Amino acid sequence: MLDVQVDSDAALVEALRRDDPEAADQLVERYGERLYRLAVRLTGTRDDAEDATHVALLTAIRTIEAFRGDSSFDAWLGRLAAGVAYRKLLRRPRKAETVAFDDLLPPLDRAGRHFEPMNDWSGRIDGAGLQGGLRRVLTDAIDALPPDHRTALILRDVEGMSDTDIAEVLGVGQSAVRARVHRSRLFLRQRLSKHLDST
């Protein structure tokens, strides 16, 4: 038996292309909340997320002809919304803090092996008293990342986007995406480690 995949958004895309008056409402109903959640994760504020969602949905409606079907409509919308939210992050004034890669690396010997043991906090993080503090430390650490690192990390580890899609959003190569995700993870690990070592 032939396995045929049907794009559940094909009718919506065609309705948008025909300027069907109900298509915009259908788009908002089907994708508005999902795009808003993505924008909140990236921007960290409701106001910016609402604005980014509105702009992304309007852009999708106005540029529907640019959707060629190379990926799913859902993925195309996600990249659009992520790009709008990322540009909002870039316009914000930056904090003085920077992420120096060398400061994030654990100590290595000449052969490139860790020579200090890494702390294992896995047995401690399940405690109810630590959960709120961990969430706050993690949120603060993500907020402290530069916009490109923050966006790469959230799109990869939370949204599950491919390196190719993230590279398109950030306007960089896939190797740069992988480096930014890796550095961001190291930065978060360092922040969590400092918090857990002090509790």
N, C-alpha and C. Protein backbone atom coordinates (compact mmCIF):
# COMPACT_ATOMS: atom_id res chain seq x y z
N MET A 1 0.84 -1.17 0.00
CA MET A 1 0.00 0.00 0.00
C MET A 1 0.88 1.23 0.00
N LEU A 2 0.56 2.19 -0.78
CA LEU A 2 1.35 3.42 -0.92
C LEU A 2 1.06 4.36 0.25
N ASP A 3 2.13 4.82 0.92
CA ASP A 3 1.98 5.74 2.04
C ASP A 3 2.06 7.17 1.51
N VAL A 4 0.92 7.85 1.51
CA VAL A 4 0.86 9.21 0.99
C VAL A 4 0.71 10.17 2.16
N GLN A 5 1.61 11.16 2.22
CA GLN A 5 1.50 12.18 3.25
C GLN A 5 0.69 13.34 2.71
N VAL A 6 -0.27 13.77 3.50
CA VAL A 6 -1.13 14.87 3.11
C VAL A 6 -0.76 16.06 4.00
N ASP A 7 -0.51 17.20 3.38
CA ASP A 7 -0.21 18.40 4.14
C ASP A 7 -1.52 18.95 4.69
N SER A 8 -1.65 18.92 6.00
CA SER A 8 -2.89 19.36 6.63
C SER A 8 -3.12 20.86 6.44
N ASP A 9 -2.08 21.59 6.04
CA ASP A 9 -2.21 23.03 5.83
C ASP A 9 -2.40 23.42 4.37
N ALA A 10 -2.48 22.45 3.48
CA ALA A 10 -2.58 22.77 2.05
C ALA A 10 -3.80 23.64 1.74
N ALA A 11 -4.94 23.31 2.36
CA ALA A 11 -6.15 24.09 2.10
C ALA A 11 -6.01 25.51 2.65
N LEU A 12 -5.37 25.65 3.80
CA LEU A 12 -5.15 26.97 4.38
C LEU A 12 -4.22 27.79 3.50
N VAL A 13 -3.15 27.19 3.03
CA VAL A 13 -2.21 27.90 2.16
C VAL A 13 -2.92 28.36 0.89
N GLU A 14 -3.71 27.48 0.29
CA GLU A 14 -4.45 27.86 -0.93
C GLU A 14 -5.45 28.98 -0.66
N ALA A 15 -6.11 28.92 0.50
CA ALA A 15 -7.07 29.97 0.86
C ALA A 15 -6.35 31.31 1.04
N LEU A 16 -5.17 31.28 1.65
CA LEU A 16 -4.38 32.51 1.81
C LEU A 16 -3.96 33.06 0.45
N ARG A 17 -3.59 32.18 -0.45
CA ARG A 17 -3.16 32.62 -1.79
C ARG A 17 -4.33 33.21 -2.58
N ARG A 18 -5.53 32.74 -2.32
CA ARG A 18 -6.72 33.27 -3.01
C ARG A 18 -7.28 34.51 -2.33
N ASP A 19 -6.65 34.95 -1.25
CA ASP A 19 -7.15 36.08 -0.44
C ASP A 19 -8.55 35.81 0.11
N ASP A 20 -8.79 34.57 0.48
CA ASP A 20 -10.06 34.20 1.10
C ASP A 20 -10.22 35.00 2.39
N PRO A 21 -11.33 35.69 2.57
CA PRO A 21 -11.50 36.55 3.75
C PRO A 21 -11.42 35.80 5.08
N GLU A 22 -11.71 34.50 5.10
CA GLU A 22 -11.67 33.73 6.34
C GLU A 22 -10.29 33.10 6.60
N ALA A 23 -9.41 33.14 5.63
CA ALA A 23 -8.11 32.47 5.75
C ALA A 23 -7.25 33.07 6.86
N ALA A 24 -7.25 34.39 6.97
CA ALA A 24 -6.44 35.03 8.01
C ALA A 24 -6.90 34.61 9.39
N ASP A 25 -8.22 34.54 9.59
CA ASP A 25 -8.76 34.09 10.88
C ASP A 25 -8.36 32.64 11.17
N GLN A 26 -8.40 31.81 10.14
CA GLN A 26 -8.00 30.42 10.30
C GLN A 26 -6.52 30.31 10.66
N LEU A 27 -5.70 31.14 10.03
CA LEU A 27 -4.27 31.15 10.32
C LEU A 27 -4.02 31.52 11.78
N VAL A 28 -4.67 32.58 12.24
CA VAL A 28 -4.50 33.02 13.63
C VAL A 28 -5.00 31.96 14.59
N GLU A 29 -6.15 31.37 14.29
CA GLU A 29 -6.72 30.35 15.17
C GLU A 29 -5.82 29.13 15.26
N ARG A 30 -5.27 28.72 14.12
CA ARG A 30 -4.46 27.50 14.10
C ARG A 30 -3.05 27.72 14.64
N TYR A 31 -2.44 28.88 14.37
CA TYR A 31 -1.02 29.06 14.69
C TYR A 31 -0.70 30.22 15.64
N GLY A 32 -1.66 31.07 15.93
CA GLY A 32 -1.37 32.24 16.74
C GLY A 32 -0.76 31.91 18.09
N GLU A 33 -1.36 30.99 18.82
CA GLU A 33 -0.87 30.64 20.16
C GLU A 33 0.51 30.00 20.10
N ARG A 34 0.74 29.12 19.16
CA ARG A 34 2.04 28.45 19.04
C ARG A 34 3.14 29.46 18.72
N LEU A 35 2.88 30.37 17.80
CA LEU A 35 3.88 31.38 17.44
C LEU A 35 4.12 32.34 18.60
N TYR A 36 3.07 32.65 19.35
CA TYR A 36 3.22 33.51 20.52
C TYR A 36 4.13 32.85 21.57
N ARG A 37 3.90 31.57 21.85
CA ARG A 37 4.75 30.85 22.82
C ARG A 37 6.22 30.85 22.38
N LEU A 38 6.45 30.63 21.10
CA LEU A 38 7.81 30.68 20.57
C LEU A 38 8.41 32.08 20.77
N ALA A 39 7.65 33.10 20.45
CA ALA A 39 8.14 34.48 20.59
C ALA A 39 8.42 34.84 22.05
N VAL A 40 7.58 34.36 22.97
CA VAL A 40 7.82 34.62 24.40
C VAL A 40 9.12 33.96 24.83
N ARG A 41 9.35 32.74 24.39
CA ARG A 41 10.60 32.06 24.75
C ARG A 41 11.81 32.84 24.26
N LEU A 42 11.72 33.39 23.07
CA LEU A 42 12.86 34.09 22.49
C LEU A 42 13.04 35.49 23.05
N THR A 43 11.94 36.23 23.18
CA THR A 43 12.07 37.63 23.60
C THR A 43 12.02 37.80 25.11
N GLY A 44 11.33 36.89 25.79
CA GLY A 44 11.23 36.97 27.24
C GLY A 44 10.19 37.95 27.75
N THR A 45 9.50 38.66 26.86
CA THR A 45 8.46 39.60 27.32
C THR A 45 7.18 39.39 26.52
N ARG A 46 6.06 39.59 27.19
CA ARG A 46 4.76 39.41 26.54
C ARG A 46 4.53 40.46 25.45
N ASP A 47 4.90 41.71 25.74
CA ASP A 47 4.68 42.78 24.76
C ASP A 47 5.44 42.51 23.47
N ASP A 48 6.73 42.18 23.60
CA ASP A 48 7.53 41.88 22.41
C ASP A 48 7.00 40.64 21.69
N ALA A 49 6.56 39.66 22.47
CA ALA A 49 6.04 38.42 21.87
C ALA A 49 4.75 38.69 21.10
N GLU A 50 3.86 39.50 21.68
CA GLU A 50 2.62 39.84 20.97
C GLU A 50 2.93 40.57 19.67
N ASP A 51 3.84 41.52 19.75
CA ASP A 51 4.21 42.28 18.56
C ASP A 51 4.85 41.37 17.51
N ALA A 52 5.78 40.51 17.94
CA ALA A 52 6.45 39.60 17.01
C ALA A 52 5.46 38.64 16.37
N THR A 53 4.50 38.15 17.14
CA THR A 53 3.49 37.23 16.60
C THR A 53 2.63 37.94 15.57
N HIS A 54 2.21 39.14 15.89
CA HIS A 54 1.39 39.94 14.96
C HIS A 54 2.15 40.18 13.65
N VAL A 55 3.41 40.61 13.77
CA VAL A 55 4.22 40.87 12.57
C VAL A 55 4.43 39.59 11.77
N ALA A 56 4.71 38.48 12.45
CA ALA A 56 4.95 37.21 11.74
C ALA A 56 3.70 36.75 11.00
N LEU A 57 2.54 36.86 11.63
CA LEU A 57 1.30 36.44 10.97
C LEU A 57 0.98 37.34 9.77
N LEU A 58 1.16 38.65 9.94
CA LEU A 58 0.93 39.57 8.81
C LEU A 58 1.92 39.30 7.67
N THR A 59 3.16 39.04 8.03
CA THR A 59 4.18 38.73 7.02
C THR A 59 3.81 37.45 6.28
N ALA A 60 3.35 36.45 7.00
CA ALA A 60 2.95 35.19 6.36
C ALA A 60 1.82 35.44 5.36
N ILE A 61 0.85 36.25 5.75
CA ILE A 61 -0.29 36.54 4.87
C ILE A 61 0.19 37.30 3.63
N ARG A 62 1.01 38.32 3.85
CA ARG A 62 1.46 39.17 2.73
C ARG A 62 2.45 38.47 1.80
N THR A 63 3.22 37.52 2.34
CA THR A 63 4.26 36.88 1.53
C THR A 63 3.98 35.40 1.31
N ILE A 64 2.72 35.01 1.32
CA ILE A 64 2.37 33.59 1.18
C ILE A 64 2.93 33.00 -0.11
N GLU A 65 3.10 33.81 -1.12
CA GLU A 65 3.66 33.31 -2.38
C GLU A 65 5.11 32.86 -2.22
N ALA A 66 5.79 33.35 -1.18
CA ALA A 66 7.17 32.94 -0.93
C ALA A 66 7.24 31.53 -0.36
N PHE A 67 6.13 31.02 0.17
CA PHE A 67 6.11 29.65 0.68
C PHE A 67 6.05 28.70 -0.51
N ARG A 68 7.15 27.95 -0.71
CA ARG A 68 7.26 27.06 -1.86
C ARG A 68 6.93 25.61 -1.54
N GLY A 69 6.78 25.30 -0.25
CA GLY A 69 6.47 23.92 0.11
C GLY A 69 7.68 23.04 0.27
N ASP A 70 8.89 23.64 0.30
CA ASP A 70 10.11 22.84 0.51
C ASP A 70 10.13 22.22 1.91
N SER A 71 9.48 22.89 2.85
CA SER A 71 9.32 22.38 4.21
C SER A 71 7.83 22.49 4.55
N SER A 72 7.47 22.06 5.74
CA SER A 72 6.06 22.17 6.13
C SER A 72 5.71 23.64 6.34
N PHE A 73 4.45 23.96 6.20
CA PHE A 73 3.97 25.31 6.43
C PHE A 73 4.24 25.72 7.88
N ASP A 74 4.05 24.77 8.79
CA ASP A 74 4.31 24.99 10.21
C ASP A 74 5.77 25.41 10.44
N ALA A 75 6.71 24.72 9.80
CA ALA A 75 8.13 25.05 9.95
C ALA A 75 8.43 26.42 9.34
N TRP A 76 7.84 26.72 8.21
CA TRP A 76 8.03 28.02 7.56
C TRP A 76 7.55 29.15 8.48
N LEU A 77 6.37 28.97 9.08
CA LEU A 77 5.84 29.97 10.01
C LEU A 77 6.75 30.11 11.24
N GLY A 78 7.26 28.99 11.73
CA GLY A 78 8.16 29.02 12.88
C GLY A 78 9.42 29.81 12.60
N ARG A 79 9.98 29.60 11.41
CA ARG A 79 11.18 30.37 11.03
C ARG A 79 10.86 31.86 10.91
N LEU A 80 9.69 32.16 10.33
CA LEU A 80 9.27 33.56 10.21
C LEU A 80 9.17 34.22 11.59
N ALA A 81 8.44 33.57 12.50
CA ALA A 81 8.24 34.13 13.84
C ALA A 81 9.56 34.22 14.60
N ALA A 82 10.41 33.21 14.47
CA ALA A 82 11.70 33.24 15.15
C ALA A 82 12.56 34.38 14.63
N GLY A 83 12.52 34.61 13.33
CA GLY A 83 13.29 35.71 12.74
C GLY A 83 12.83 37.06 13.24
N VAL A 84 11.51 37.25 13.35
CA VAL A 84 10.98 38.52 13.85
C VAL A 84 11.37 38.71 15.31
N ALA A 85 11.22 37.66 16.12
CA ALA A 85 11.57 37.75 17.54
C ALA A 85 13.07 38.00 17.71
N TYR A 86 13.89 37.35 16.90
CA TYR A 86 15.34 37.54 16.97
C TYR A 86 15.72 38.98 16.65
N ARG A 87 15.10 39.56 15.65
CA ARG A 87 15.39 40.96 15.31
C ARG A 87 14.98 41.90 16.44
N LYS A 88 13.91 41.55 17.17
CA LYS A 88 13.52 42.34 18.34
C LYS A 88 14.62 42.27 19.41
N LEU A 89 15.18 41.09 19.60
CA LEU A 89 16.27 40.95 20.58
C LEU A 89 17.48 41.79 20.19
N LEU A 90 17.78 41.80 18.90
CA LEU A 90 18.95 42.55 18.43
C LEU A 90 18.81 44.05 18.65
N ARG A 91 17.58 44.54 18.66
CA ARG A 91 17.35 45.98 18.85
C ARG A 91 17.42 46.42 20.30
N ARG A 92 17.42 45.47 21.21
CA ARG A 92 17.48 45.81 22.63
C ARG A 92 18.90 46.23 23.02
N PRO A 93 19.00 47.16 23.97
CA PRO A 93 20.33 47.49 24.47
C PRO A 93 20.92 46.28 25.19
N ARG A 94 22.20 46.03 24.96
CA ARG A 94 22.86 44.86 25.54
C ARG A 94 23.45 45.20 26.90
N LYS A 95 23.44 44.20 27.76
CA LYS A 95 24.11 44.31 29.04
C LYS A 95 25.61 44.21 28.79
N ALA A 96 26.38 44.67 29.73
CA ALA A 96 27.83 44.67 29.57
C ALA A 96 28.42 43.26 29.58
N GLU A 97 27.68 42.30 30.12
CA GLU A 97 28.20 40.94 30.25
C GLU A 97 28.38 40.29 28.88
N THR A 98 29.48 39.60 28.70
CA THR A 98 29.72 38.85 27.48
C THR A 98 30.03 37.40 27.84
N VAL A 99 29.89 36.54 26.87
CA VAL A 99 30.17 35.13 27.07
C VAL A 99 31.52 34.82 26.43
N ALA A 100 32.55 34.70 27.27
CA ALA A 100 33.88 34.35 26.79
C ALA A 100 34.01 32.83 26.80
N PHE A 101 34.22 32.24 25.65
CA PHE A 101 34.25 30.79 25.53
C PHE A 101 35.30 30.16 26.43
N ASP A 102 36.48 30.75 26.50
CA ASP A 102 37.55 30.17 27.31
C ASP A 102 37.18 30.12 28.79
N ASP A 103 36.37 31.06 29.24
CA ASP A 103 35.95 31.06 30.64
C ASP A 103 34.93 29.97 30.94
N LEU A 104 34.32 29.42 29.92
CA LEU A 104 33.29 28.41 30.11
C LEU A 104 33.84 26.99 30.12
N LEU A 105 35.00 26.82 29.54
CA LEU A 105 35.57 25.48 29.43
C LEU A 105 36.04 24.96 30.78
N PRO A 106 35.80 23.68 31.06
CA PRO A 106 36.36 23.10 32.27
C PRO A 106 37.88 22.98 32.10
N PRO A 107 38.62 22.93 33.20
CA PRO A 107 40.08 22.81 33.10
C PRO A 107 40.49 21.54 32.36
N LEU A 108 41.41 21.69 31.42
CA LEU A 108 41.91 20.55 30.64
C LEU A 108 43.40 20.41 30.83
N ASP A 109 43.89 19.16 30.75
CA ASP A 109 45.34 18.97 30.78
C ASP A 109 45.89 19.12 29.37
N ARG A 110 47.18 18.89 29.18
CA ARG A 110 47.81 19.09 27.86
C ARG A 110 47.25 18.15 26.80
N ALA A 111 46.74 17.02 27.23
CA ALA A 111 46.17 16.05 26.29
C ALA A 111 44.71 16.36 25.98
N GLY A 112 44.17 17.40 26.59
CA GLY A 112 42.79 17.78 26.33
C GLY A 112 41.77 17.06 27.18
N ARG A 113 42.22 16.42 28.28
CA ARG A 113 41.31 15.70 29.18
C ARG A 113 41.00 16.57 30.39
N HIS A 114 39.82 16.37 30.95
CA HIS A 114 39.45 17.09 32.18
C HIS A 114 40.38 16.62 33.30
N PHE A 115 40.96 17.55 34.03
CA PHE A 115 41.80 17.12 35.14
C PHE A 115 41.18 17.44 36.50
N GLU A 116 40.05 18.12 36.49
CA GLU A 116 39.30 18.32 37.72
C GLU A 116 37.97 17.61 37.55
N PRO A 117 37.52 16.95 38.61
CA PRO A 117 36.23 16.26 38.48
C PRO A 117 35.09 17.26 38.28
N MET A 118 34.15 16.87 37.46
CA MET A 118 32.96 17.71 37.24
C MET A 118 31.94 17.33 38.31
N ASN A 119 31.29 18.33 38.85
CA ASN A 119 30.28 18.07 39.87
C ASN A 119 29.07 17.36 39.28
N ASP A 120 28.57 16.40 40.02
CA ASP A 120 27.36 15.68 39.61
C ASP A 120 26.25 16.11 40.56
N TRP A 121 25.31 16.95 40.07
CA TRP A 121 24.24 17.42 40.92
C TRP A 121 22.94 16.70 40.63
N SER A 122 23.01 15.63 39.86
CA SER A 122 21.78 14.96 39.45
C SER A 122 20.94 14.48 40.63
N GLY A 123 21.57 14.08 41.72
CA GLY A 123 20.82 13.61 42.88
C GLY A 123 20.18 14.72 43.67
N ARG A 124 20.57 15.97 43.44
CA ARG A 124 20.07 17.09 44.24
C ARG A 124 18.99 17.91 43.56
N ILE A 125 18.88 17.82 42.26
CA ILE A 125 17.98 18.75 41.56
C ILE A 125 16.51 18.40 41.68
N ASP A 126 16.20 17.21 42.18
CA ASP A 126 14.79 16.82 42.30
C ASP A 126 14.13 17.38 43.56
N GLY A 127 14.91 17.93 44.45
CA GLY A 127 14.35 18.48 45.69
C GLY A 127 13.40 19.62 45.41
N ALA A 128 12.24 19.59 46.05
CA ALA A 128 11.22 20.61 45.81
C ALA A 128 11.73 22.01 46.13
N GLY A 129 12.57 22.14 47.13
CA GLY A 129 13.09 23.45 47.52
C GLY A 129 14.02 24.05 46.48
N LEU A 130 14.66 23.22 45.68
CA LEU A 130 15.60 23.71 44.68
C LEU A 130 14.93 24.11 43.37
N GLN A 131 13.76 23.55 43.07
CA GLN A 131 13.14 23.75 41.76
C GLN A 131 12.94 25.22 41.41
N GLY A 132 12.38 26.01 42.32
CA GLY A 132 12.14 27.43 42.04
C GLY A 132 13.43 28.19 41.81
N GLY A 133 14.43 27.90 42.64
CA GLY A 133 15.73 28.56 42.50
C GLY A 133 16.41 28.18 41.20
N LEU A 134 16.33 26.91 40.82
CA LEU A 134 16.93 26.46 39.57
C LEU A 134 16.26 27.13 38.37
N ARG A 135 14.94 27.23 38.43
CA ARG A 135 14.21 27.87 37.33
C ARG A 135 14.65 29.32 37.18
N ARG A 136 14.80 30.02 38.31
CA ARG A 136 15.21 31.43 38.29
C ARG A 136 16.64 31.56 37.74
N VAL A 137 17.54 30.70 38.21
CA VAL A 137 18.93 30.75 37.73
C VAL A 137 19.00 30.44 36.25
N LEU A 138 18.24 29.46 35.80
CA LEU A 138 18.23 29.09 34.39
C LEU A 138 17.67 30.22 33.54
N THR A 139 16.57 30.81 33.98
CA THR A 139 15.98 31.93 33.24
C THR A 139 16.94 33.11 33.18
N ASP A 140 17.57 33.44 34.30
CA ASP A 140 18.54 34.55 34.32
C ASP A 140 19.72 34.26 33.40
N ALA A 141 20.19 33.01 33.39
CA ALA A 141 21.32 32.64 32.54
C ALA A 141 20.95 32.76 31.06
N ILE A 142 19.76 32.31 30.70
CA ILE A 142 19.32 32.42 29.30
C ILE A 142 19.19 33.88 28.92
N ASP A 143 18.65 34.70 29.83
CA ASP A 143 18.51 36.14 29.57
C ASP A 143 19.86 36.82 29.40
N ALA A 144 20.89 36.29 30.03
CA ALA A 144 22.22 36.90 29.95
C ALA A 144 22.97 36.56 28.67
N LEU A 145 22.48 35.58 27.94
CA LEU A 145 23.15 35.19 26.69
C LEU A 145 22.97 36.28 25.63
N PRO A 146 23.97 36.44 24.77
CA PRO A 146 23.79 37.35 23.62
C PRO A 146 22.62 36.85 22.76
N PRO A 147 21.96 37.76 22.04
CA PRO A 147 20.77 37.36 21.28
C PRO A 147 20.97 36.17 20.34
N ASP A 148 22.11 36.11 19.65
CA ASP A 148 22.31 35.00 18.72
C ASP A 148 22.48 33.67 19.44
N HIS A 149 23.17 33.68 20.59
CA HIS A 149 23.33 32.46 21.37
C HIS A 149 22.00 32.02 21.99
N ARG A 150 21.27 32.97 22.54
CA ARG A 150 19.98 32.68 23.16
C ARG A 150 19.02 32.10 22.13
N THR A 151 18.95 32.72 20.98
CA THR A 151 18.04 32.25 19.93
C THR A 151 18.44 30.86 19.45
N ALA A 152 19.72 30.63 19.22
CA ALA A 152 20.18 29.32 18.77
C ALA A 152 19.84 28.24 19.80
N LEU A 153 20.09 28.53 21.07
CA LEU A 153 19.82 27.55 22.14
C LEU A 153 18.33 27.23 22.24
N ILE A 154 17.49 28.24 22.27
CA ILE A 154 16.06 28.01 22.41
C ILE A 154 15.49 27.29 21.20
N LEU A 155 15.89 27.72 20.01
CA LEU A 155 15.37 27.07 18.81
C LEU A 155 15.82 25.61 18.72
N ARG A 156 17.02 25.31 19.19
CA ARG A 156 17.54 23.93 19.13
C ARG A 156 16.99 23.07 20.25
N ASP A 157 17.18 23.53 21.51
CA ASP A 157 16.88 22.67 22.66
C ASP A 157 15.43 22.72 23.13
N VAL A 158 14.72 23.79 22.84
CA VAL A 158 13.33 23.88 23.26
C VAL A 158 12.40 23.58 22.09
N GLU A 159 12.65 24.22 20.96
CA GLU A 159 11.77 24.07 19.79
C GLU A 159 12.13 22.87 18.93
N GLY A 160 13.36 22.36 19.05
CA GLY A 160 13.77 21.21 18.26
C GLY A 160 14.01 21.51 16.79
N MET A 161 14.30 22.78 16.47
CA MET A 161 14.56 23.15 15.07
C MET A 161 15.89 22.56 14.60
N SER A 162 15.97 22.33 13.32
CA SER A 162 17.21 21.81 12.74
C SER A 162 18.26 22.92 12.65
N ASP A 163 19.52 22.51 12.55
CA ASP A 163 20.61 23.49 12.39
C ASP A 163 20.40 24.32 11.12
N THR A 164 19.86 23.70 10.09
CA THR A 164 19.61 24.41 8.83
C THR A 164 18.61 25.53 9.03
N ASP A 165 17.51 25.23 9.72
CA ASP A 165 16.49 26.25 9.96
C ASP A 165 17.00 27.36 10.86
N ILE A 166 17.77 27.00 11.89
CA ILE A 166 18.32 28.00 12.80
C ILE A 166 19.32 28.89 12.06
N ALA A 167 20.12 28.28 11.20
CA ALA A 167 21.08 29.05 10.41
C ALA A 167 20.36 30.07 9.54
N GLU A 168 19.20 29.70 9.00
CA GLU A 168 18.42 30.63 8.18
C GLU A 168 17.91 31.79 9.03
N VAL A 169 17.43 31.50 10.24
CA VAL A 169 16.92 32.55 11.13
C VAL A 169 18.03 33.52 11.50
N LEU A 170 19.21 32.98 11.86
CA LEU A 170 20.32 33.81 12.34
C LEU A 170 21.15 34.41 11.21
N GLY A 171 21.02 33.87 10.01
CA GLY A 171 21.82 34.36 8.89
C GLY A 171 23.29 33.96 8.99
N VAL A 172 23.55 32.75 9.53
CA VAL A 172 24.91 32.24 9.69
C VAL A 172 24.97 30.82 9.16
N GLY A 173 26.16 30.24 9.15
CA GLY A 173 26.32 28.85 8.72
C GLY A 173 25.95 27.87 9.82
N GLN A 174 25.77 26.62 9.44
CA GLN A 174 25.38 25.58 10.40
C GLN A 174 26.45 25.34 11.45
N SER A 175 27.73 25.45 11.09
CA SER A 175 28.79 25.26 12.08
C SER A 175 28.75 26.36 13.13
N ALA A 176 28.38 27.57 12.73
CA ALA A 176 28.24 28.67 13.70
C ALA A 176 27.07 28.40 14.64
N VAL A 177 26.00 27.83 14.11
CA VAL A 177 24.85 27.47 14.96
C VAL A 177 25.29 26.46 16.01
N ARG A 178 25.99 25.40 15.57
CA ARG A 178 26.42 24.36 16.51
C ARG A 178 27.35 24.94 17.58
N ALA A 179 28.23 25.85 17.18
CA ALA A 179 29.15 26.48 18.15
C ALA A 179 28.37 27.32 19.15
N ARG A 180 27.38 28.07 18.69
CA ARG A 180 26.61 28.92 19.61
C ARG A 180 25.77 28.09 20.57
N VAL A 181 25.20 27.01 20.09
CA VAL A 181 24.43 26.13 20.97
C VAL A 181 25.36 25.52 22.01
N HIS A 182 26.52 25.06 21.59
CA HIS A 182 27.47 24.43 22.51
C HIS A 182 27.94 25.43 23.57
N ARG A 183 28.30 26.62 23.16
CA ARG A 183 28.76 27.64 24.12
C ARG A 183 27.64 28.02 25.08
N SER A 184 26.44 28.11 24.58
CA SER A 184 25.30 28.46 25.43
C SER A 184 25.06 27.38 26.48
N ARG A 185 25.16 26.12 26.07
CA ARG A 185 24.98 25.02 27.03
C ARG A 185 26.06 25.07 28.10
N LEU A 186 27.29 25.33 27.69
CA LEU A 186 28.38 25.44 28.67
C LEU A 186 28.12 26.59 29.65
N PHE A 187 27.65 27.71 29.14
CA PHE A 187 27.34 28.87 29.98
C PHE A 187 26.25 28.52 30.99
N LEU A 188 25.19 27.86 30.54
CA LEU A 188 24.11 27.46 31.45
C LEU A 188 24.62 26.48 32.49
N ARG A 189 25.44 25.55 32.07
CA ARG A 189 26.01 24.57 33.01
C ARG A 189 26.84 25.27 34.08
N GLN A 190 27.62 26.25 33.66
CA GLN A 190 28.45 26.99 34.61
C GLN A 190 27.58 27.73 35.63
N ARG A 191 26.54 28.39 35.15
CA ARG A 191 25.65 29.13 36.06
C ARG A 191 24.93 28.18 37.02
N LEU A 192 24.44 27.07 36.51
CA LEU A 192 23.76 26.10 37.37
C LEU A 192 24.73 25.50 38.39
N SER A 193 25.94 25.23 37.94
CA SER A 193 26.94 24.66 38.84
C SER A 193 27.26 25.62 39.98
N LYS A 194 27.44 26.91 39.67
CA LYS A 194 27.71 27.90 40.72
C LYS A 194 26.56 27.96 41.72
N HIS A 195 25.34 27.92 41.20
CA HIS A 195 24.17 27.98 42.08
C HIS A 195 24.11 26.75 42.98
N LEU A 196 24.26 25.57 42.39
CA LEU A 196 24.14 24.33 43.16
C LEU A 196 25.31 24.15 44.13
N ASP A 197 26.49 24.62 43.76
CA ASP A 197 27.63 24.52 44.67
C ASP A 197 27.47 25.44 45.88
N SER A 198 26.69 26.51 45.71
CA SER A 198 26.52 27.46 46.82
C SER A 198 25.33 27.13 47.70
N THR A 199 24.51 26.15 47.30
CA THR A 199 23.32 25.79 48.11
C THR A 199 23.58 24.59 48.98
